[in-house]
Protein backbone atom coordinates (compact mmCIF):
# COMPACT_ATOMS: atom_id res chain seq x y z
CA MET A 1 4.84 37.70 -36.80
CA THR A 2 4.55 36.35 -33.25
CA ALA A 3 6.93 33.74 -31.88
CA LEU A 4 5.99 31.60 -28.90
CA VAL A 5 9.15 30.56 -27.06
CA THR A 6 8.74 28.09 -24.20
CA GLY A 7 11.48 27.86 -21.61
CA SER A 8 12.52 31.33 -22.70
CA THR A 9 13.73 32.62 -19.35
CA SER A 10 17.13 30.94 -19.59
CA GLY A 11 19.56 29.06 -21.80
CA ILE A 12 18.76 28.27 -25.42
CA GLY A 13 15.16 29.45 -25.04
CA LYS A 14 16.33 32.87 -23.90
CA ALA A 15 18.85 33.11 -26.75
CA ALA A 16 16.14 32.12 -29.24
CA ALA A 17 13.72 34.74 -27.84
CA ILE A 18 16.34 37.50 -28.16
CA ALA A 19 17.28 36.41 -31.68
CA LEU A 20 13.65 36.25 -32.87
CA ALA A 21 12.92 39.68 -31.39
CA ALA A 22 15.99 41.09 -33.16
CA ARG A 23 14.50 39.79 -36.44
CA GLY A 24 11.24 41.69 -35.79
CA ALA A 25 9.07 39.01 -34.19
CA HIS A 26 6.83 39.81 -31.26
CA VAL A 27 8.03 37.26 -28.72
CA LEU A 28 5.61 35.58 -26.35
CA VAL A 29 7.84 34.66 -23.44
CA VAL A 30 6.52 31.54 -21.70
CA GLY A 31 8.09 30.24 -18.52
CA ARG A 32 7.78 29.39 -14.86
CA ASP A 33 9.96 32.16 -13.41
CA GLU A 34 8.05 35.42 -13.55
CA GLN A 35 10.98 37.58 -12.39
CA ARG A 36 13.40 36.28 -15.04
CA ALA A 37 10.68 36.61 -17.67
CA LYS A 38 10.10 40.26 -16.75
CA TYR A 39 13.84 40.92 -17.07
CA LEU A 40 13.86 39.24 -20.51
CA VAL A 41 10.84 41.27 -21.70
CA ALA A 42 12.57 44.45 -20.49
CA GLU A 43 15.80 43.41 -22.25
CA ILE A 44 13.97 42.75 -25.52
CA GLU A 45 11.96 45.97 -25.32
CA GLY A 46 15.10 47.91 -24.34
CA SER A 47 16.68 46.75 -27.59
CA GLY A 48 13.69 47.99 -29.59
CA GLY A 49 11.92 44.64 -29.79
CA SER A 50 8.45 43.58 -28.68
CA ALA A 51 7.65 40.91 -26.07
CA THR A 52 5.02 39.85 -23.55
CA PHE A 53 5.10 37.23 -20.82
CA ARG A 54 2.76 34.34 -19.94
CA LEU A 55 3.21 31.88 -17.10
CA THR A 56 3.19 28.19 -17.99
CA ASN A 57 0.14 26.14 -16.96
CA GLN A 58 2.22 24.57 -14.19
CA ALA A 59 3.09 27.99 -12.81
CA MET A 60 -0.50 29.18 -13.23
CA ARG A 61 -1.68 26.40 -10.90
CA SER A 62 0.35 27.95 -8.09
CA ILE A 63 -1.51 31.26 -8.45
CA HIS A 64 -4.62 31.53 -6.30
CA MET A 65 -7.82 31.34 -8.32
CA SER A 66 -11.27 31.10 -6.81
CA ALA A 67 -13.67 28.65 -8.39
CA TYR A 68 -17.38 29.13 -8.88
CA VAL A 69 -20.26 26.68 -8.85
CA ILE A 70 -23.21 27.78 -10.94
CA VAL A 71 -26.40 25.95 -10.06
CA GLU A 72 -29.37 26.20 -12.42
CA PHE A 73 -32.50 24.65 -10.95
CA THR A 74 -36.26 24.39 -10.78
CA VAL A 75 -37.77 23.45 -7.44
CA LYS A 76 -40.09 20.43 -7.70
CA ASP A 77 -40.92 20.00 -4.01
CA PRO A 78 -40.66 23.27 -2.08
CA ASP A 79 -40.94 21.60 1.34
CA VAL A 80 -38.10 19.13 0.66
CA TYR A 81 -36.00 21.91 -0.87
CA ARG A 82 -36.56 24.31 2.05
CA GLU A 83 -36.36 21.82 4.93
CA LYS A 84 -33.98 19.07 3.83
CA TYR A 85 -31.83 20.06 0.87
CA GLY A 86 -31.16 23.82 0.99
CA PRO A 87 -29.91 24.20 4.57
CA ASN A 88 -27.83 21.02 4.47
CA ALA A 89 -26.27 21.73 1.08
CA GLY A 90 -25.38 25.24 2.25
CA ARG A 91 -23.85 23.89 5.45
CA THR A 92 -21.68 21.36 3.60
CA ALA A 93 -20.49 23.99 1.12
CA LYS A 94 -19.61 26.35 3.97
CA GLU A 95 -17.55 23.58 5.63
CA TYR A 96 -15.42 23.53 2.45
CA GLY A 97 -15.04 27.30 2.27
CA GLY A 98 -18.02 27.80 -0.05
CA GLU A 99 -19.89 31.08 0.02
CA VAL A 100 -23.25 31.71 -1.62
CA LEU A 101 -22.94 34.92 -3.64
CA ALA A 102 -26.39 34.90 -5.27
CA ASN A 103 -29.55 32.80 -5.12
CA SER A 104 -32.78 33.80 -6.87
CA ASN A 105 -34.99 33.34 -9.90
CA TRP A 106 -33.31 33.93 -13.23
CA GLU A 107 -34.01 36.79 -15.53
CA ILE A 108 -33.33 34.99 -18.80
CA LEU A 109 -31.61 37.29 -21.27
CA HIS A 110 -31.18 34.60 -23.93
CA GLY A 111 -31.47 30.84 -24.21
CA ASP A 112 -33.20 27.93 -22.53
CA GLY A 113 -35.37 29.04 -19.63
CA SER A 114 -36.41 25.58 -18.45
CA LEU A 115 -34.45 25.90 -15.21
CA THR A 116 -36.07 28.85 -13.48
CA SER A 117 -33.72 29.66 -10.60
CA GLY A 118 -30.03 29.97 -10.00
CA ALA A 119 -27.34 30.10 -7.39
CA LEU A 120 -23.73 31.19 -7.57
CA MET A 121 -21.21 29.91 -5.02
CA ARG A 122 -17.55 30.83 -4.64
CA PHE A 123 -14.98 28.35 -3.31
CA PRO A 124 -11.28 28.86 -2.59
CA ASP A 125 -10.19 26.85 -5.66
CA HIS A 126 -11.12 24.17 -8.19
CA GLU A 127 -9.83 21.27 -6.09
CA THR A 128 -11.91 22.35 -3.09
CA VAL A 129 -15.09 22.35 -5.19
CA ILE A 130 -14.37 18.78 -6.30
CA LYS A 131 -13.67 17.71 -2.70
CA TRP A 132 -16.94 19.31 -1.55
CA TYR A 133 -19.07 17.84 -4.31
CA ASN A 134 -17.62 14.34 -3.83
CA SER A 135 -17.64 14.52 -0.02
CA PRO A 136 -19.76 11.98 1.86
CA GLU A 137 -21.61 14.88 3.50
CA TYR A 138 -22.76 16.27 0.15
CA GLN A 139 -23.17 12.95 -1.65
CA GLN A 140 -25.75 11.84 0.90
CA LEU A 141 -27.88 14.81 -0.23
CA ILE A 142 -27.96 13.80 -3.92
CA GLU A 143 -31.08 11.65 -3.58
CA ILE A 144 -32.83 14.39 -1.59
CA ARG A 145 -31.74 16.92 -4.23
CA SER A 146 -33.33 14.87 -7.01
CA VAL A 147 -36.66 14.92 -5.13
CA ALA A 148 -36.37 18.63 -4.28
CA MET A 149 -35.36 19.97 -7.68
CA ASP A 150 -34.23 19.47 -11.25
CA ALA A 151 -30.74 20.92 -11.46
CA ARG A 152 -27.57 21.42 -13.45
CA PHE A 153 -24.32 22.12 -11.58
CA SER A 154 -21.38 23.69 -13.42
CA LEU A 155 -17.85 24.50 -12.24
CA LEU A 156 -16.07 27.58 -13.53
CA ASP A 157 -12.52 28.59 -12.59
CA GLY A 158 -12.01 32.24 -11.73
CA LEU A 159 -9.25 34.49 -12.99
CA PRO A 160 -5.91 34.72 -11.17
CA SER A 161 -5.92 37.13 -8.25
């Protein structure tokens, strides 16, 4: 049996976590204070119990996580893509801390191959991607983008560093 105990780093939550562990439950310690949670896990394990720790979503937001933009595209007008869209989109992304990690034709391993090329960009965090994409500098490129290529843009949060 596993018991999820929120607020388990102090007070009633801590007492409940200790009591559940003493009754044989594996306790999933959830809280905002990583140091107190580590002490509680050590206390439970020191008494022969079993426990692991997870930060709350609120605490997770304070941990740095890169965010990635995956662009799947097929160029419709190579001249517009090369001269008007590509360099300007790259410049705007760079202004927001974006870095192009890969940009080439796909090798499709499985699935829909209708979009033939791809790009992967890393940004400092999720919020920065949203600011970049919604920025006036990038938004003015949307019409040019639709002439240059068919595309799908996706945002993926990275793992905590």
